[in-house]
N, C-alpha and C. Protein backbone atom coordinates (compact mmCIF):
# COMPACT_ATOMS: atom_id res chain seq x y z
N MET A 1 -33.17 -21.37 7.27
CA MET A 1 -32.32 -20.18 7.66
C MET A 1 -33.12 -18.92 7.49
N SER A 2 -33.06 -18.03 8.43
CA SER A 2 -33.81 -16.81 8.34
C SER A 2 -33.07 -15.80 7.54
N GLU A 3 -33.74 -14.81 7.06
CA GLU A 3 -33.13 -13.77 6.28
C GLU A 3 -32.17 -13.01 7.10
N ASN A 4 -32.44 -12.82 8.40
CA ASN A 4 -31.56 -12.00 9.24
C ASN A 4 -30.23 -12.69 9.55
N SER A 5 -30.23 -14.04 9.43
CA SER A 5 -29.04 -14.76 9.72
C SER A 5 -27.98 -14.75 8.63
N LEU A 6 -28.44 -14.50 7.35
CA LEU A 6 -27.57 -14.59 6.21
C LEU A 6 -26.44 -13.48 6.25
N PRO A 7 -26.81 -12.20 6.49
CA PRO A 7 -25.75 -11.16 6.55
C PRO A 7 -24.74 -11.50 7.64
N HIS A 8 -25.25 -12.00 8.77
CA HIS A 8 -24.34 -12.29 9.86
C HIS A 8 -23.38 -13.41 9.50
N ALA A 9 -23.83 -14.41 8.75
CA ALA A 9 -22.99 -15.52 8.32
C ALA A 9 -21.96 -15.00 7.34
N GLN A 10 -22.37 -14.09 6.38
CA GLN A 10 -21.42 -13.54 5.45
C GLN A 10 -20.33 -12.70 6.15
N ALA A 11 -20.77 -11.99 7.17
CA ALA A 11 -19.82 -11.10 7.87
C ALA A 11 -18.73 -11.98 8.57
N ASN A 12 -19.20 -13.20 9.13
CA ASN A 12 -18.26 -14.03 9.79
C ASN A 12 -17.27 -14.66 8.82
N GLU A 13 -17.73 -14.92 7.62
CA GLU A 13 -16.85 -15.49 6.57
C GLU A 13 -15.77 -14.50 6.20
N ASN A 14 -16.12 -13.22 6.20
CA ASN A 14 -15.11 -12.17 5.74
C ASN A 14 -14.19 -11.78 6.88
N GLU A 15 -14.45 -12.16 8.11
CA GLU A 15 -13.63 -11.77 9.20
C GLU A 15 -12.28 -12.57 9.20
N THR A 16 -11.21 -11.85 9.55
CA THR A 16 -9.90 -12.49 9.65
C THR A 16 -9.89 -13.44 10.81
N PRO A 17 -9.60 -14.76 10.64
CA PRO A 17 -9.56 -15.68 11.75
C PRO A 17 -8.65 -15.22 12.91
N ARG A 18 -9.16 -15.27 14.11
CA ARG A 18 -8.29 -14.92 15.24
C ARG A 18 -7.33 -16.03 15.59
N LEU A 19 -6.14 -15.53 15.97
CA LEU A 19 -5.08 -16.45 16.33
C LEU A 19 -5.25 -16.87 17.79
N ASN A 20 -5.01 -18.13 18.04
CA ASN A 20 -5.01 -18.60 19.45
C ASN A 20 -3.72 -18.14 20.10
N ARG A 21 -3.60 -18.36 21.39
CA ARG A 21 -2.42 -17.83 22.18
C ARG A 21 -1.14 -18.36 21.61
N ARG A 22 -1.09 -19.64 21.28
CA ARG A 22 0.17 -20.24 20.73
C ARG A 22 0.51 -19.67 19.39
N GLN A 23 -0.45 -19.53 18.50
CA GLN A 23 -0.20 -18.91 17.20
C GLN A 23 0.24 -17.48 17.31
N ALA A 24 -0.36 -16.70 18.20
CA ALA A 24 0.02 -15.29 18.38
C ALA A 24 1.51 -15.25 18.88
N ALA A 25 1.81 -16.13 19.82
CA ALA A 25 3.22 -16.11 20.35
C ALA A 25 4.20 -16.48 19.27
N LYS A 26 3.85 -17.37 18.33
CA LYS A 26 4.74 -17.71 17.31
C LYS A 26 4.93 -16.59 16.28
N VAL A 27 3.86 -15.81 16.06
CA VAL A 27 3.98 -14.63 15.17
C VAL A 27 4.87 -13.61 15.79
N ARG A 28 4.73 -13.42 17.13
CA ARG A 28 5.60 -12.39 17.79
C ARG A 28 7.04 -12.80 17.77
N THR A 29 7.29 -14.11 17.98
CA THR A 29 8.65 -14.62 17.99
C THR A 29 9.27 -14.46 16.59
N ARG A 30 8.56 -14.71 15.61
CA ARG A 30 9.00 -14.65 14.20
C ARG A 30 9.40 -13.20 13.90
N GLN A 31 8.48 -12.26 14.34
CA GLN A 31 8.73 -10.87 14.12
C GLN A 31 10.02 -10.37 14.81
N LYS A 32 10.18 -10.83 16.10
CA LYS A 32 11.34 -10.43 16.87
C LYS A 32 12.65 -10.97 16.19
N VAL A 33 12.64 -12.12 15.59
CA VAL A 33 13.75 -12.67 14.92
C VAL A 33 14.03 -11.85 13.66
N LEU A 34 12.97 -11.51 12.95
CA LEU A 34 13.14 -10.67 11.70
C LEU A 34 13.75 -9.29 12.03
N GLU A 35 13.27 -8.71 13.04
CA GLU A 35 13.77 -7.35 13.45
C GLU A 35 15.29 -7.40 13.83
N ALA A 36 15.64 -8.50 14.61
CA ALA A 36 17.05 -8.63 15.04
C ALA A 36 17.85 -8.92 13.78
N ALA A 37 17.40 -9.77 12.89
CA ALA A 37 18.15 -10.10 11.70
C ALA A 37 18.31 -8.86 10.81
N ARG A 38 17.24 -8.07 10.63
CA ARG A 38 17.32 -6.85 9.82
C ARG A 38 18.34 -5.92 10.36
N THR A 39 18.44 -5.73 11.66
CA THR A 39 19.44 -4.85 12.29
C THR A 39 20.85 -5.35 11.99
N LEU A 40 21.08 -6.60 12.18
CA LEU A 40 22.44 -7.14 11.92
C LEU A 40 22.80 -7.13 10.47
N PHE A 41 21.89 -7.52 9.58
CA PHE A 41 22.17 -7.53 8.16
C PHE A 41 22.50 -6.14 7.68
N ALA A 42 21.74 -5.10 8.21
CA ALA A 42 21.94 -3.73 7.81
C ALA A 42 23.29 -3.26 8.39
N GLU A 43 23.72 -3.69 9.51
CA GLU A 43 25.01 -3.26 10.15
C GLU A 43 26.18 -3.97 9.54
N ARG A 44 26.06 -5.29 9.33
CA ARG A 44 27.25 -6.12 9.02
C ARG A 44 27.25 -6.69 7.57
N GLY A 45 26.05 -6.77 6.98
CA GLY A 45 25.97 -7.58 5.75
C GLY A 45 25.57 -8.95 6.03
N TYR A 46 25.65 -9.82 5.00
CA TYR A 46 25.08 -11.16 5.18
C TYR A 46 26.05 -12.11 5.90
N GLU A 47 27.24 -12.27 5.42
CA GLU A 47 28.13 -13.23 5.94
C GLU A 47 28.47 -13.02 7.44
N PRO A 48 28.84 -11.85 7.82
CA PRO A 48 29.26 -11.57 9.23
C PRO A 48 28.08 -11.74 10.27
N ALA A 49 26.82 -11.66 9.78
CA ALA A 49 25.70 -11.80 10.67
C ALA A 49 25.36 -13.29 10.91
N THR A 50 25.70 -13.74 12.06
CA THR A 50 25.46 -15.17 12.40
C THR A 50 24.13 -15.42 13.05
N ILE A 51 23.64 -16.66 12.95
CA ILE A 51 22.44 -17.03 13.59
C ILE A 51 22.50 -16.91 15.09
N ARG A 52 23.66 -17.16 15.65
CA ARG A 52 23.86 -16.99 17.12
C ARG A 52 23.67 -15.56 17.48
N ASP A 53 24.27 -14.60 16.73
CA ASP A 53 24.19 -13.22 17.06
C ASP A 53 22.70 -12.75 16.80
N ILE A 54 22.05 -13.22 15.80
CA ILE A 54 20.71 -12.84 15.55
C ILE A 54 19.82 -13.33 16.72
N ALA A 55 19.99 -14.53 17.13
CA ALA A 55 19.25 -15.03 18.27
C ALA A 55 19.47 -14.23 19.52
N LYS A 56 20.72 -13.83 19.77
CA LYS A 56 21.04 -13.00 20.89
C LYS A 56 20.36 -11.70 20.80
N GLY A 57 20.36 -11.11 19.62
CA GLY A 57 19.73 -9.81 19.41
C GLY A 57 18.25 -9.90 19.60
N ALA A 58 17.64 -11.07 19.34
CA ALA A 58 16.20 -11.20 19.53
C ALA A 58 15.88 -11.65 21.00
N GLY A 59 16.93 -11.91 21.76
CA GLY A 59 16.69 -12.33 23.15
C GLY A 59 16.11 -13.76 23.26
N MET A 60 16.55 -14.62 22.38
CA MET A 60 16.08 -16.06 22.40
C MET A 60 17.23 -16.99 22.01
N SER A 61 16.92 -18.26 22.01
CA SER A 61 17.86 -19.26 21.65
C SER A 61 17.97 -19.44 20.11
N THR A 62 19.07 -20.06 19.68
CA THR A 62 19.20 -20.40 18.30
C THR A 62 18.14 -21.36 17.86
N GLY A 63 17.70 -22.19 18.77
CA GLY A 63 16.70 -23.20 18.48
C GLY A 63 15.34 -22.55 18.12
N ALA A 64 15.06 -21.39 18.82
CA ALA A 64 13.88 -20.64 18.50
C ALA A 64 13.93 -20.02 17.15
N VAL A 65 15.12 -19.63 16.70
CA VAL A 65 15.30 -19.07 15.36
C VAL A 65 15.10 -20.14 14.33
N PHE A 66 15.64 -21.30 14.54
CA PHE A 66 15.48 -22.37 13.60
C PHE A 66 14.06 -23.01 13.59
N ALA A 67 13.34 -22.70 14.62
CA ALA A 67 11.91 -23.18 14.65
C ALA A 67 11.07 -22.35 13.73
N ASN A 68 11.54 -21.21 13.35
CA ASN A 68 10.83 -20.26 12.48
C ASN A 68 11.38 -20.18 11.07
N PHE A 69 12.67 -20.39 10.95
CA PHE A 69 13.38 -20.28 9.69
C PHE A 69 14.29 -21.44 9.44
N GLN A 70 14.33 -22.00 8.28
CA GLN A 70 15.13 -23.18 8.00
C GLN A 70 16.61 -22.90 8.19
N ASP A 71 17.07 -21.71 7.69
CA ASP A 71 18.51 -21.30 7.74
C ASP A 71 18.62 -19.84 7.58
N LYS A 72 19.84 -19.33 7.60
CA LYS A 72 20.06 -17.90 7.54
C LYS A 72 19.62 -17.39 6.16
N ALA A 73 19.76 -18.19 5.10
CA ALA A 73 19.35 -17.73 3.76
C ALA A 73 17.84 -17.46 3.70
N GLU A 74 17.04 -18.35 4.34
CA GLU A 74 15.60 -18.11 4.33
C GLU A 74 15.28 -16.89 5.15
N LEU A 75 16.02 -16.71 6.29
CA LEU A 75 15.81 -15.51 7.10
C LEU A 75 16.11 -14.23 6.37
N PHE A 76 17.22 -14.28 5.64
CA PHE A 76 17.62 -13.09 4.81
C PHE A 76 16.54 -12.74 3.75
N GLU A 77 16.03 -13.79 3.10
CA GLU A 77 15.01 -13.58 2.09
C GLU A 77 13.74 -13.00 2.67
N ALA A 78 13.36 -13.43 3.95
CA ALA A 78 12.15 -12.88 4.58
C ALA A 78 12.34 -11.44 4.89
N VAL A 79 13.55 -11.10 5.34
CA VAL A 79 13.84 -9.66 5.63
C VAL A 79 13.79 -8.87 4.39
N LEU A 80 14.41 -9.39 3.38
CA LEU A 80 14.44 -8.65 2.03
C LEU A 80 13.08 -8.47 1.51
N SER A 81 12.24 -9.49 1.57
CA SER A 81 10.86 -9.41 1.03
C SER A 81 10.08 -8.27 1.78
N GLU A 82 10.16 -8.27 3.08
CA GLU A 82 9.43 -7.23 3.86
C GLU A 82 9.98 -5.81 3.49
N ASP A 83 11.27 -5.72 3.44
CA ASP A 83 11.90 -4.41 3.24
C ASP A 83 11.62 -3.88 1.81
N MET A 84 11.64 -4.72 0.83
CA MET A 84 11.35 -4.32 -0.49
C MET A 84 9.91 -3.88 -0.70
N GLU A 85 9.00 -4.56 -0.03
CA GLU A 85 7.62 -4.17 -0.06
C GLU A 85 7.36 -2.78 0.49
N LYS A 86 8.03 -2.50 1.64
CA LYS A 86 7.97 -1.21 2.27
C LYS A 86 8.62 -0.13 1.40
N LEU A 87 9.76 -0.44 0.83
CA LEU A 87 10.54 0.50 -0.03
C LEU A 87 9.71 0.85 -1.29
N ALA A 88 9.10 -0.17 -1.89
CA ALA A 88 8.24 0.00 -3.09
C ALA A 88 7.10 0.98 -2.76
N GLY A 89 6.52 0.83 -1.51
CA GLY A 89 5.46 1.77 -1.13
C GLY A 89 5.99 3.24 -1.02
N THR A 90 7.22 3.34 -0.55
CA THR A 90 7.84 4.70 -0.38
C THR A 90 8.05 5.29 -1.75
N LEU A 91 8.54 4.47 -2.68
CA LEU A 91 8.79 4.98 -3.99
C LEU A 91 7.43 5.37 -4.75
N LYS A 92 6.48 4.55 -4.58
CA LYS A 92 5.19 4.82 -5.19
C LYS A 92 4.55 6.12 -4.62
N ALA A 93 4.66 6.28 -3.31
CA ALA A 93 4.07 7.49 -2.72
C ALA A 93 4.82 8.77 -3.16
N ALA A 94 6.15 8.68 -3.31
CA ALA A 94 6.92 9.80 -3.74
C ALA A 94 6.59 10.15 -5.18
N ALA A 95 6.44 9.11 -6.06
CA ALA A 95 6.10 9.38 -7.45
C ALA A 95 4.72 10.01 -7.64
N ALA A 96 3.79 9.63 -6.72
CA ALA A 96 2.40 10.06 -6.85
C ALA A 96 2.28 11.61 -6.53
N ALA A 97 3.28 12.10 -5.86
CA ALA A 97 3.25 13.60 -5.50
C ALA A 97 3.69 14.48 -6.61
N GLU A 98 4.24 13.97 -7.70
CA GLU A 98 4.75 14.77 -8.79
C GLU A 98 3.80 14.67 -10.03
N THR A 99 3.97 15.66 -10.90
CA THR A 99 3.02 15.70 -12.06
C THR A 99 3.63 15.42 -13.40
N SER A 100 4.99 15.47 -13.49
CA SER A 100 5.61 15.19 -14.76
C SER A 100 6.37 13.84 -14.69
N LEU A 101 6.58 13.22 -15.89
CA LEU A 101 7.24 11.92 -15.94
C LEU A 101 8.56 11.99 -15.19
N ARG A 102 9.41 12.94 -15.59
CA ARG A 102 10.76 13.04 -15.03
C ARG A 102 10.67 13.32 -13.51
N GLY A 103 9.75 14.14 -13.14
CA GLY A 103 9.56 14.50 -11.74
C GLY A 103 9.19 13.24 -10.97
N ARG A 104 8.29 12.33 -11.51
CA ARG A 104 7.89 11.18 -10.79
C ARG A 104 9.02 10.20 -10.66
N LEU A 105 9.76 10.04 -11.72
CA LEU A 105 10.93 9.14 -11.68
C LEU A 105 11.99 9.58 -10.69
N MET A 106 12.27 10.88 -10.71
CA MET A 106 13.35 11.39 -9.84
C MET A 106 12.86 11.31 -8.38
N ALA A 107 11.60 11.60 -8.08
CA ALA A 107 11.08 11.60 -6.79
C ALA A 107 11.13 10.09 -6.23
N ALA A 108 10.76 9.14 -7.10
CA ALA A 108 10.79 7.75 -6.64
C ALA A 108 12.22 7.28 -6.35
N LEU A 109 13.15 7.57 -7.34
CA LEU A 109 14.48 7.04 -7.23
C LEU A 109 15.22 7.62 -6.08
N THR A 110 15.13 8.96 -5.86
CA THR A 110 15.76 9.60 -4.73
C THR A 110 15.16 9.20 -3.39
N ALA A 111 13.81 8.92 -3.37
CA ALA A 111 13.23 8.44 -2.15
C ALA A 111 13.79 7.05 -1.81
N GLY A 112 14.08 6.30 -2.80
CA GLY A 112 14.68 4.93 -2.62
C GLY A 112 16.02 5.07 -1.99
N TYR A 113 16.84 6.00 -2.44
CA TYR A 113 18.16 6.26 -1.86
C TYR A 113 17.99 6.70 -0.39
N HIS A 114 17.09 7.63 -0.18
CA HIS A 114 16.90 8.20 1.15
C HIS A 114 16.43 7.08 2.14
N GLY A 115 15.62 6.16 1.64
CA GLY A 115 15.03 5.15 2.50
C GLY A 115 15.96 3.96 2.80
N SER A 116 17.12 3.88 2.08
CA SER A 116 17.91 2.68 2.25
C SER A 116 19.44 2.97 2.30
N LEU A 117 19.81 4.25 2.30
CA LEU A 117 21.22 4.57 2.28
C LEU A 117 21.93 4.25 3.59
N ASP A 118 21.09 4.17 4.61
CA ASP A 118 21.67 3.88 5.99
C ASP A 118 21.80 2.33 6.19
N GLN A 119 21.47 1.56 5.12
CA GLN A 119 21.53 0.16 5.21
C GLN A 119 22.41 -0.46 4.10
N LEU A 120 23.54 0.21 3.82
CA LEU A 120 24.41 -0.18 2.70
C LEU A 120 24.83 -1.62 2.77
N PRO A 121 25.26 -2.12 3.96
CA PRO A 121 25.66 -3.49 3.96
C PRO A 121 24.62 -4.48 3.51
N LEU A 122 23.32 -4.14 3.83
CA LEU A 122 22.18 -4.95 3.39
C LEU A 122 22.08 -4.93 1.85
N VAL A 123 22.20 -3.76 1.23
CA VAL A 123 22.15 -3.57 -0.17
C VAL A 123 23.34 -4.33 -0.89
N GLN A 124 24.49 -4.22 -0.25
CA GLN A 124 25.63 -4.92 -0.82
C GLN A 124 25.40 -6.47 -0.70
N ALA A 125 24.83 -6.86 0.32
CA ALA A 125 24.57 -8.31 0.52
C ALA A 125 23.64 -8.82 -0.62
N VAL A 126 22.61 -8.05 -0.86
CA VAL A 126 21.65 -8.43 -1.96
C VAL A 126 22.37 -8.58 -3.30
N VAL A 127 23.23 -7.57 -3.63
CA VAL A 127 23.92 -7.66 -4.91
C VAL A 127 24.93 -8.73 -4.95
N ALA A 128 25.67 -8.93 -3.85
CA ALA A 128 26.74 -9.91 -3.85
C ALA A 128 26.14 -11.32 -3.89
N ARG A 129 25.13 -11.60 -3.18
CA ARG A 129 24.53 -12.91 -3.15
C ARG A 129 23.93 -13.31 -4.48
N SER A 130 23.53 -12.31 -5.25
CA SER A 130 22.92 -12.64 -6.56
C SER A 130 23.87 -13.31 -7.51
N TRP A 131 25.17 -13.24 -7.20
CA TRP A 131 26.19 -13.84 -8.14
C TRP A 131 26.47 -15.34 -7.75
N PHE A 132 26.08 -15.79 -6.52
CA PHE A 132 26.48 -17.11 -6.21
C PHE A 132 25.35 -17.93 -5.56
N GLN A 133 24.22 -17.32 -5.26
CA GLN A 133 23.16 -18.15 -4.64
C GLN A 133 22.53 -19.02 -5.62
N PRO A 134 21.84 -20.12 -5.10
CA PRO A 134 21.21 -21.10 -5.98
C PRO A 134 20.11 -20.42 -6.85
N VAL A 135 19.83 -21.09 -7.91
CA VAL A 135 18.85 -20.49 -8.90
C VAL A 135 17.51 -20.22 -8.20
N ALA A 136 17.07 -21.17 -7.43
CA ALA A 136 15.75 -20.95 -6.72
C ALA A 136 15.76 -19.78 -5.80
N ALA A 137 16.84 -19.55 -5.08
CA ALA A 137 16.99 -18.38 -4.24
C ALA A 137 16.99 -17.11 -5.03
N GLU A 138 17.71 -17.16 -6.18
CA GLU A 138 17.82 -15.98 -7.03
C GLU A 138 16.42 -15.63 -7.55
N MET A 139 15.62 -16.59 -7.87
CA MET A 139 14.29 -16.31 -8.40
C MET A 139 13.46 -15.68 -7.33
N ARG A 140 13.60 -16.13 -6.04
CA ARG A 140 12.81 -15.54 -4.94
C ARG A 140 13.33 -14.11 -4.71
N THR A 141 14.60 -13.89 -4.82
CA THR A 141 15.13 -12.51 -4.62
C THR A 141 14.60 -11.58 -5.75
N ARG A 142 14.60 -12.11 -6.97
CA ARG A 142 14.00 -11.27 -8.08
C ARG A 142 12.53 -10.93 -7.83
N ALA A 143 11.79 -11.92 -7.28
CA ALA A 143 10.41 -11.70 -7.00
C ALA A 143 10.22 -10.62 -5.95
N ALA A 144 11.14 -10.57 -4.99
CA ALA A 144 11.03 -9.54 -3.91
C ALA A 144 11.33 -8.16 -4.48
N ILE A 145 12.36 -8.08 -5.38
CA ILE A 145 12.80 -6.83 -5.92
C ILE A 145 11.83 -6.32 -7.02
N LYS A 146 11.00 -7.24 -7.58
CA LYS A 146 10.14 -6.87 -8.71
C LYS A 146 9.27 -5.65 -8.36
N ALA A 147 8.89 -5.54 -7.12
CA ALA A 147 7.92 -4.47 -6.74
C ALA A 147 8.61 -3.04 -7.02
N LEU A 148 9.95 -3.01 -6.84
CA LEU A 148 10.62 -1.74 -7.16
C LEU A 148 10.63 -1.44 -8.62
N VAL A 149 10.97 -2.44 -9.43
CA VAL A 149 10.94 -2.26 -10.86
C VAL A 149 9.59 -1.89 -11.36
N MET A 150 8.48 -2.47 -10.72
CA MET A 150 7.18 -2.19 -11.19
C MET A 150 6.82 -0.74 -10.92
N VAL A 151 7.28 -0.13 -9.93
CA VAL A 151 7.09 1.30 -9.70
C VAL A 151 7.64 2.11 -10.87
N VAL A 152 8.83 1.80 -11.29
CA VAL A 152 9.42 2.46 -12.46
C VAL A 152 8.56 2.18 -13.73
N SER A 153 8.25 0.90 -13.88
CA SER A 153 7.55 0.49 -15.10
C SER A 153 6.15 1.21 -15.16
N ASP A 154 5.43 1.27 -14.04
CA ASP A 154 4.10 1.87 -13.99
C ASP A 154 4.25 3.42 -14.25
N THR A 155 5.31 3.99 -13.81
CA THR A 155 5.53 5.45 -14.02
C THR A 155 5.75 5.68 -15.49
N LEU A 156 6.54 4.81 -16.17
CA LEU A 156 6.82 4.94 -17.57
C LEU A 156 5.52 4.70 -18.35
N GLN A 157 4.68 3.72 -17.96
CA GLN A 157 3.45 3.46 -18.68
C GLN A 157 2.51 4.69 -18.61
N THR A 158 2.53 5.33 -17.45
CA THR A 158 1.74 6.57 -17.34
C THR A 158 2.30 7.66 -18.27
N GLY A 159 3.65 7.70 -18.38
CA GLY A 159 4.21 8.67 -19.33
C GLY A 159 3.84 8.36 -20.78
N VAL A 160 3.68 7.12 -21.18
CA VAL A 160 3.17 6.76 -22.48
C VAL A 160 1.76 7.20 -22.69
N ARG A 161 0.91 6.86 -21.72
CA ARG A 161 -0.54 7.21 -21.80
C ARG A 161 -0.76 8.74 -21.89
N GLU A 162 0.09 9.39 -21.20
CA GLU A 162 -0.12 10.90 -21.13
C GLU A 162 0.66 11.60 -22.19
N GLY A 163 1.27 10.84 -23.08
CA GLY A 163 1.98 11.46 -24.26
C GLY A 163 3.28 12.06 -23.96
N GLU A 164 3.88 11.79 -22.81
CA GLU A 164 5.21 12.24 -22.49
C GLU A 164 6.30 11.46 -23.10
N LEU A 165 6.01 10.15 -23.36
CA LEU A 165 6.96 9.24 -23.92
C LEU A 165 6.40 8.83 -25.30
N ARG A 166 7.27 8.42 -26.15
CA ARG A 166 6.93 7.94 -27.50
C ARG A 166 6.04 6.66 -27.28
N GLN A 167 5.09 6.49 -28.18
CA GLN A 167 4.07 5.38 -28.06
C GLN A 167 4.78 4.01 -28.32
N ASP A 168 5.91 4.03 -29.02
CA ASP A 168 6.55 2.77 -29.42
C ASP A 168 7.67 2.46 -28.43
N VAL A 169 7.81 3.16 -27.30
CA VAL A 169 8.87 2.96 -26.37
C VAL A 169 8.85 1.59 -25.79
N ASP A 170 10.01 0.95 -25.56
CA ASP A 170 10.11 -0.36 -24.95
C ASP A 170 10.13 -0.14 -23.43
N VAL A 171 8.97 -0.17 -22.83
CA VAL A 171 8.85 0.10 -21.40
C VAL A 171 9.67 -0.85 -20.56
N ARG A 172 9.62 -2.14 -20.89
CA ARG A 172 10.35 -3.11 -20.12
C ARG A 172 11.83 -2.88 -20.11
N LEU A 173 12.35 -2.65 -21.30
CA LEU A 173 13.79 -2.35 -21.43
C LEU A 173 14.19 -1.08 -20.69
N LEU A 174 13.36 -0.09 -20.81
CA LEU A 174 13.66 1.21 -20.21
C LEU A 174 13.59 1.08 -18.65
N SER A 175 12.63 0.31 -18.15
CA SER A 175 12.50 0.09 -16.73
C SER A 175 13.76 -0.64 -16.20
N ASP A 176 14.20 -1.68 -16.90
CA ASP A 176 15.37 -2.41 -16.44
C ASP A 176 16.61 -1.45 -16.44
N LEU A 177 16.78 -0.68 -17.49
CA LEU A 177 17.92 0.24 -17.56
C LEU A 177 17.92 1.22 -16.40
N ILE A 178 16.76 1.81 -16.15
CA ILE A 178 16.66 2.76 -15.01
C ILE A 178 16.98 2.09 -13.67
N TYR A 179 16.31 0.92 -13.43
CA TYR A 179 16.56 0.25 -12.13
C TYR A 179 18.01 -0.14 -12.00
N GLU A 180 18.59 -0.78 -12.97
CA GLU A 180 19.97 -1.20 -12.88
C GLU A 180 20.97 -0.03 -12.68
N THR A 181 20.66 1.07 -13.30
CA THR A 181 21.52 2.27 -13.14
C THR A 181 21.40 2.80 -11.68
N TRP A 182 20.14 2.85 -11.26
CA TRP A 182 19.87 3.29 -9.85
C TRP A 182 20.60 2.42 -8.87
N LEU A 183 20.52 1.11 -9.05
CA LEU A 183 21.15 0.16 -8.17
C LEU A 183 22.65 0.27 -8.22
N SER A 184 23.24 0.47 -9.38
CA SER A 184 24.69 0.52 -9.46
C SER A 184 25.31 1.65 -8.77
N ASN A 185 24.55 2.73 -8.55
CA ASN A 185 25.08 3.94 -7.84
C ASN A 185 25.39 3.60 -6.39
N TYR A 186 24.80 2.60 -5.84
CA TYR A 186 25.10 2.26 -4.47
C TYR A 186 26.58 1.98 -4.25
N ARG A 187 27.25 1.53 -5.35
CA ARG A 187 28.69 1.24 -5.30
C ARG A 187 29.43 2.55 -4.91
N ARG A 188 28.98 3.64 -5.46
CA ARG A 188 29.55 4.97 -5.15
C ARG A 188 29.45 5.28 -3.65
N ALA A 189 28.23 5.00 -3.19
CA ALA A 189 28.03 5.26 -1.71
C ALA A 189 28.81 4.35 -0.85
N ALA A 190 28.95 3.10 -1.27
CA ALA A 190 29.62 2.09 -0.48
C ALA A 190 31.11 2.30 -0.43
N TYR A 191 31.67 2.54 -1.64
CA TYR A 191 33.15 2.57 -1.76
C TYR A 191 33.75 3.99 -1.89
N ASP A 192 32.99 4.91 -2.32
CA ASP A 192 33.47 6.27 -2.51
C ASP A 192 32.91 7.30 -1.63
N GLY A 193 32.05 6.85 -0.69
CA GLY A 193 31.45 7.72 0.32
C GLY A 193 30.45 8.77 -0.17
N TRP A 194 29.87 8.48 -1.32
CA TRP A 194 28.91 9.44 -1.89
C TRP A 194 27.75 9.68 -0.95
N THR A 195 27.33 10.90 -0.84
CA THR A 195 26.16 11.29 -0.02
C THR A 195 24.88 11.30 -0.88
N LEU A 196 23.80 11.52 -0.22
CA LEU A 196 22.46 11.58 -0.90
C LEU A 196 22.47 12.67 -1.98
N PRO A 197 23.00 13.87 -1.73
CA PRO A 197 22.98 14.90 -2.79
C PRO A 197 23.77 14.45 -3.99
N GLN A 198 24.88 13.78 -3.78
CA GLN A 198 25.74 13.34 -4.91
C GLN A 198 25.03 12.27 -5.67
N LEU A 199 24.38 11.33 -5.01
CA LEU A 199 23.66 10.27 -5.70
C LEU A 199 22.45 10.88 -6.46
N THR A 200 21.83 11.90 -5.91
CA THR A 200 20.74 12.56 -6.55
C THR A 200 21.20 13.22 -7.86
N THR A 201 22.33 13.94 -7.79
CA THR A 201 22.84 14.61 -8.97
C THR A 201 23.20 13.54 -10.06
N GLN A 202 23.78 12.45 -9.64
CA GLN A 202 24.25 11.35 -10.54
C GLN A 202 23.02 10.76 -11.27
N ILE A 203 22.02 10.39 -10.48
CA ILE A 203 20.84 9.71 -11.11
C ILE A 203 20.14 10.66 -12.00
N SER A 204 20.16 11.93 -11.66
CA SER A 204 19.50 12.97 -12.50
C SER A 204 20.15 12.98 -13.91
N LYS A 205 21.45 13.00 -13.93
CA LYS A 205 22.20 13.05 -15.20
C LYS A 205 22.00 11.75 -15.99
N GLN A 206 22.03 10.65 -15.27
CA GLN A 206 21.89 9.32 -15.93
C GLN A 206 20.45 9.18 -16.50
N LEU A 207 19.48 9.65 -15.76
CA LEU A 207 18.08 9.63 -16.30
C LEU A 207 17.94 10.44 -17.57
N ASP A 208 18.56 11.57 -17.59
CA ASP A 208 18.48 12.41 -18.86
C ASP A 208 19.07 11.60 -20.11
N VAL A 209 20.13 10.88 -19.85
CA VAL A 209 20.77 10.11 -20.95
C VAL A 209 19.90 8.94 -21.37
N ILE A 210 19.34 8.28 -20.37
CA ILE A 210 18.48 7.14 -20.69
C ILE A 210 17.23 7.54 -21.39
N LEU A 211 16.61 8.59 -21.02
CA LEU A 211 15.38 9.03 -21.56
C LEU A 211 15.57 9.83 -22.94
N ALA A 212 16.76 10.19 -23.20
CA ALA A 212 17.03 10.94 -24.48
C ALA A 212 16.59 10.03 -25.62
N GLY A 213 15.80 10.65 -26.53
CA GLY A 213 15.32 9.93 -27.65
C GLY A 213 14.03 9.22 -27.45
N GLN A 214 13.63 9.13 -26.13
CA GLN A 214 12.35 8.42 -25.79
C GLN A 214 11.24 9.42 -25.45
N ILE A 215 11.61 10.67 -25.38
CA ILE A 215 10.59 11.71 -25.00
C ILE A 215 9.74 12.04 -26.28
N SER A 216 8.49 12.12 -26.11
CA SER A 216 7.60 12.39 -27.23
C SER A 216 7.90 13.83 -27.67
N ARG A 217 7.84 13.99 -29.04
CA ARG A 217 8.05 15.33 -29.61
C ARG A 217 6.77 16.02 -30.05
N GLN A 218 5.68 15.40 -29.68
CA GLN A 218 4.37 15.96 -30.09
C GLN A 218 4.13 17.27 -29.40
């Protein structure tokens, strides 16, 4: 083997394998199904969104849907996983633009509301299904949502390192409290018609209560 051929071989190893025509078509079909499902789940919630309607929205047969997803539950989890990954990126970017602990938390949490308030039926479906879905499905849902909790956790860890929070603070407990409180406010939006400004005011007050006693006095 010549010296000149080695870099070329390494470059080929690092390249993403190209999809053939059939594989590319399958990827496009899967994405069309996901987009149609996302639209219906966001508009109707989980139960009213049928595979037949999802297939119709994607412009294909129900057989094509089942060729890509075992059932509606798997399709819902795939939509949730994609959406949570994108939402976590939104939260992280919003937090990065602020300089104080409270500012980072508020920016992230309100960005979360702003990015998902128009999909309340989808949020309700996530919460409702967590009470009756099989354990394995619940674990997968938790894994998808973990990215959101990690944004809060990482923000709190930064607060500890920078001396804004007490060094002995229980970051995991605090992260869970903040996330669960943030999530519970969606009930206000769903059933009481709360708007983004109202949710922002509410989470701001709640955050002050949760952080009370955890702020460093140095």
